[in-house]
Amino acid sequence: MLVIGRRDGERILIGPDIEVVLVRSRSGEARLGIEAPSDVVILREELENPEEQEEVDRGTKKGAPVG
């Protein structure tokens, strides 16, 4: 994994067609903008397996924090 530090407004290029920009960061949260061709699927990790995320949200997944 490549880890790159960026400031608000700075960009990362992935190949010739994909651009990621750090729109805003504060308090441990980052907002990203992604420009990519329409045939590139961009999916948040929790949407890849929604049943597993529901278990985490309910606190029923083994190892999930409860409280």
N, C-alpha and C. Protein backbone atom coordinates (compact mmCIF):
# COMPACT_ATOMS: atom_id res chain seq x y z
N MET A 1 0.85 -1.17 0.00
CA MET A 1 0.00 0.00 0.00
C MET A 1 0.89 1.24 0.00
N LEU A 2 0.59 2.16 -0.85
CA LEU A 2 1.28 3.44 -0.91
C LEU A 2 0.49 4.43 -0.07
N VAL A 3 1.16 5.10 0.86
CA VAL A 3 0.51 6.10 1.71
C VAL A 3 1.08 7.45 1.32
N ILE A 4 0.17 8.39 0.96
CA ILE A 4 0.58 9.71 0.50
C ILE A 4 -0.13 10.76 1.34
N GLY A 5 0.61 11.73 1.84
CA GLY A 5 0.01 12.86 2.56
C GLY A 5 -0.42 13.93 1.56
N ARG A 6 -1.57 14.51 1.77
CA ARG A 6 -2.09 15.56 0.91
C ARG A 6 -2.73 16.64 1.78
N ARG A 7 -2.72 17.86 1.29
CA ARG A 7 -3.43 18.97 1.94
C ARG A 7 -4.70 19.24 1.15
N ASP A 8 -5.63 19.96 1.76
CA ASP A 8 -6.88 20.30 1.08
C ASP A 8 -6.60 20.87 -0.31
N GLY A 9 -7.31 20.34 -1.31
CA GLY A 9 -7.18 20.80 -2.68
C GLY A 9 -6.10 20.11 -3.49
N GLU A 10 -5.22 19.35 -2.85
CA GLU A 10 -4.16 18.65 -3.58
C GLU A 10 -4.70 17.36 -4.18
N ARG A 11 -4.08 16.95 -5.28
CA ARG A 11 -4.59 15.83 -6.08
C ARG A 11 -3.60 14.68 -6.15
N ILE A 12 -4.15 13.51 -6.42
CA ILE A 12 -3.37 12.31 -6.70
C ILE A 12 -3.87 11.77 -8.04
N LEU A 13 -2.96 11.42 -8.92
CA LEU A 13 -3.33 10.85 -10.22
C LEU A 13 -3.06 9.35 -10.19
N ILE A 14 -4.03 8.59 -10.67
CA ILE A 14 -3.89 7.14 -10.79
C ILE A 14 -4.03 6.82 -12.27
N GLY A 15 -2.90 6.56 -12.89
CA GLY A 15 -2.91 6.36 -14.34
C GLY A 15 -3.33 7.65 -15.05
N PRO A 16 -3.65 7.54 -16.33
CA PRO A 16 -4.01 8.74 -17.09
C PRO A 16 -5.46 9.18 -16.91
N ASP A 17 -6.31 8.33 -16.30
CA ASP A 17 -7.76 8.60 -16.32
C ASP A 17 -8.41 8.83 -14.96
N ILE A 18 -7.68 8.62 -13.86
CA ILE A 18 -8.31 8.71 -12.54
C ILE A 18 -7.60 9.77 -11.71
N GLU A 19 -8.40 10.65 -11.12
CA GLU A 19 -7.88 11.73 -10.30
C GLU A 19 -8.62 11.74 -8.97
N VAL A 20 -7.87 11.79 -7.87
CA VAL A 20 -8.45 11.86 -6.53
C VAL A 20 -7.99 13.18 -5.91
N VAL A 21 -8.94 13.96 -5.40
CA VAL A 21 -8.60 15.23 -4.77
C VAL A 21 -9.08 15.22 -3.32
N LEU A 22 -8.24 15.71 -2.43
CA LEU A 22 -8.65 15.88 -1.04
C LEU A 22 -9.44 17.18 -0.97
N VAL A 23 -10.75 17.05 -0.88
CA VAL A 23 -11.63 18.21 -0.89
C VAL A 23 -11.52 18.95 0.44
N ARG A 24 -11.58 18.17 1.55
CA ARG A 24 -11.51 18.80 2.88
C ARG A 24 -11.10 17.75 3.89
N SER A 25 -10.31 18.17 4.85
CA SER A 25 -9.97 17.29 5.97
C SER A 25 -10.01 18.09 7.25
N ARG A 26 -10.62 17.47 8.26
CA ARG A 26 -10.63 18.08 9.59
C ARG A 26 -11.13 17.05 10.60
N SER A 27 -10.66 17.16 11.80
CA SER A 27 -11.08 16.31 12.91
C SER A 27 -11.07 14.83 12.56
N GLY A 28 -10.04 14.37 11.87
CA GLY A 28 -9.92 12.96 11.56
C GLY A 28 -10.82 12.47 10.44
N GLU A 29 -11.46 13.37 9.73
CA GLU A 29 -12.34 12.98 8.63
C GLU A 29 -11.82 13.60 7.34
N ALA A 30 -11.87 12.84 6.26
CA ALA A 30 -11.43 13.33 4.95
C ALA A 30 -12.58 13.23 3.96
N ARG A 31 -12.75 14.26 3.15
CA ARG A 31 -13.74 14.24 2.07
C ARG A 31 -12.94 14.20 0.77
N LEU A 32 -13.20 13.17 -0.04
CA LEU A 32 -12.47 12.96 -1.28
C LEU A 32 -13.37 13.20 -2.47
N GLY A 33 -12.81 13.74 -3.52
CA GLY A 33 -13.49 13.83 -4.81
C GLY A 33 -12.76 12.91 -5.76
N ILE A 34 -13.49 12.13 -6.54
CA ILE A 34 -12.88 11.17 -7.46
C ILE A 34 -13.44 11.40 -8.85
N GLU A 35 -12.54 11.64 -9.80
CA GLU A 35 -12.94 11.74 -11.20
C GLU A 35 -12.37 10.53 -11.92
N ALA A 36 -13.26 9.79 -12.60
CA ALA A 36 -12.85 8.58 -13.29
C ALA A 36 -13.81 8.34 -14.45
N PRO A 37 -13.37 7.56 -15.44
CA PRO A 37 -14.28 7.21 -16.54
C PRO A 37 -15.52 6.50 -16.01
N SER A 38 -16.60 6.61 -16.75
CA SER A 38 -17.88 6.03 -16.30
C SER A 38 -17.85 4.50 -16.20
N ASP A 39 -16.89 3.85 -16.86
CA ASP A 39 -16.83 2.39 -16.76
C ASP A 39 -16.05 1.91 -15.54
N VAL A 40 -15.50 2.83 -14.75
CA VAL A 40 -14.77 2.47 -13.53
C VAL A 40 -15.75 2.46 -12.37
N VAL A 41 -15.83 1.34 -11.66
CA VAL A 41 -16.72 1.22 -10.51
C VAL A 41 -16.02 1.78 -9.28
N ILE A 42 -16.67 2.73 -8.61
CA ILE A 42 -16.15 3.31 -7.38
C ILE A 42 -17.17 2.99 -6.30
N LEU A 43 -16.73 2.26 -5.27
CA LEU A 43 -17.65 1.76 -4.27
C LEU A 43 -17.03 1.88 -2.89
N ARG A 44 -17.76 2.47 -1.95
CA ARG A 44 -17.29 2.50 -0.56
C ARG A 44 -17.25 1.07 -0.04
N GLU A 45 -16.25 0.78 0.76
CA GLU A 45 -16.04 -0.59 1.24
C GLU A 45 -17.28 -1.16 1.93
N GLU A 46 -17.97 -0.37 2.74
CA GLU A 46 -19.12 -0.90 3.48
C GLU A 46 -20.28 -1.25 2.57
N LEU A 47 -20.29 -0.76 1.34
CA LEU A 47 -21.36 -1.09 0.41
C LEU A 47 -21.06 -2.37 -0.38
N GLU A 48 -19.84 -2.84 -0.30
CA GLU A 48 -19.48 -4.06 -1.01
C GLU A 48 -20.19 -5.27 -0.41
N ASN A 49 -20.36 -5.28 0.91
CA ASN A 49 -21.04 -6.37 1.58
C ASN A 49 -21.98 -5.76 2.63
N PRO A 50 -23.16 -5.29 2.23
CA PRO A 50 -24.05 -4.58 3.16
C PRO A 50 -24.53 -5.44 4.33
N GLU A 51 -24.65 -6.75 4.17
CA GLU A 51 -25.09 -7.61 5.27
C GLU A 51 -24.06 -7.57 6.40
N GLU A 52 -22.78 -7.61 6.06
CA GLU A 52 -21.73 -7.56 7.06
C GLU A 52 -21.74 -6.22 7.79
N GLN A 53 -21.96 -5.13 7.06
CA GLN A 53 -22.01 -3.81 7.68
C GLN A 53 -23.19 -3.72 8.64
N GLU A 54 -24.32 -4.32 8.30
CA GLU A 54 -25.48 -4.31 9.19
C GLU A 54 -25.14 -5.02 10.49
N GLU A 55 -24.38 -6.12 10.43
CA GLU A 55 -23.98 -6.84 11.63
C GLU A 55 -23.10 -5.95 12.50
N VAL A 56 -22.18 -5.23 11.89
CA VAL A 56 -21.31 -4.32 12.64
C VAL A 56 -22.14 -3.23 13.28
N ASP A 57 -23.08 -2.64 12.54
CA ASP A 57 -23.93 -1.58 13.06
C ASP A 57 -24.76 -2.05 14.25
N ARG A 58 -25.24 -3.30 14.21
CA ARG A 58 -26.05 -3.86 15.29
C ARG A 58 -25.19 -4.35 16.45
N GLY A 59 -23.88 -4.49 16.23
CA GLY A 59 -23.00 -5.00 17.27
C GLY A 59 -23.07 -6.51 17.41
N THR A 60 -23.58 -7.19 16.39
CA THR A 60 -23.71 -8.65 16.46
C THR A 60 -22.58 -9.38 15.75
N LYS A 61 -21.76 -8.66 15.03
CA LYS A 61 -20.63 -9.30 14.34
C LYS A 61 -19.55 -9.58 15.37
N LYS A 62 -19.00 -10.75 15.33
CA LYS A 62 -17.96 -11.14 16.28
C LYS A 62 -16.81 -10.14 16.22
N GLY A 63 -16.43 -9.64 17.37
CA GLY A 63 -15.32 -8.71 17.44
C GLY A 63 -15.75 -7.26 17.29
N ALA A 64 -17.01 -7.02 17.00
CA ALA A 64 -17.47 -5.64 16.85
C ALA A 64 -17.61 -4.99 18.21
N PRO A 65 -17.22 -3.72 18.33
CA PRO A 65 -17.35 -3.03 19.62
C PRO A 65 -18.81 -2.88 19.99
N VAL A 66 -19.11 -3.08 21.27
CA VAL A 66 -20.48 -2.94 21.77
C VAL A 66 -20.48 -1.85 22.82
N GLY A 67 -21.48 -0.99 22.78
CA GLY A 67 -21.55 0.02 23.83
C GLY A 67 -21.94 1.27 23.29
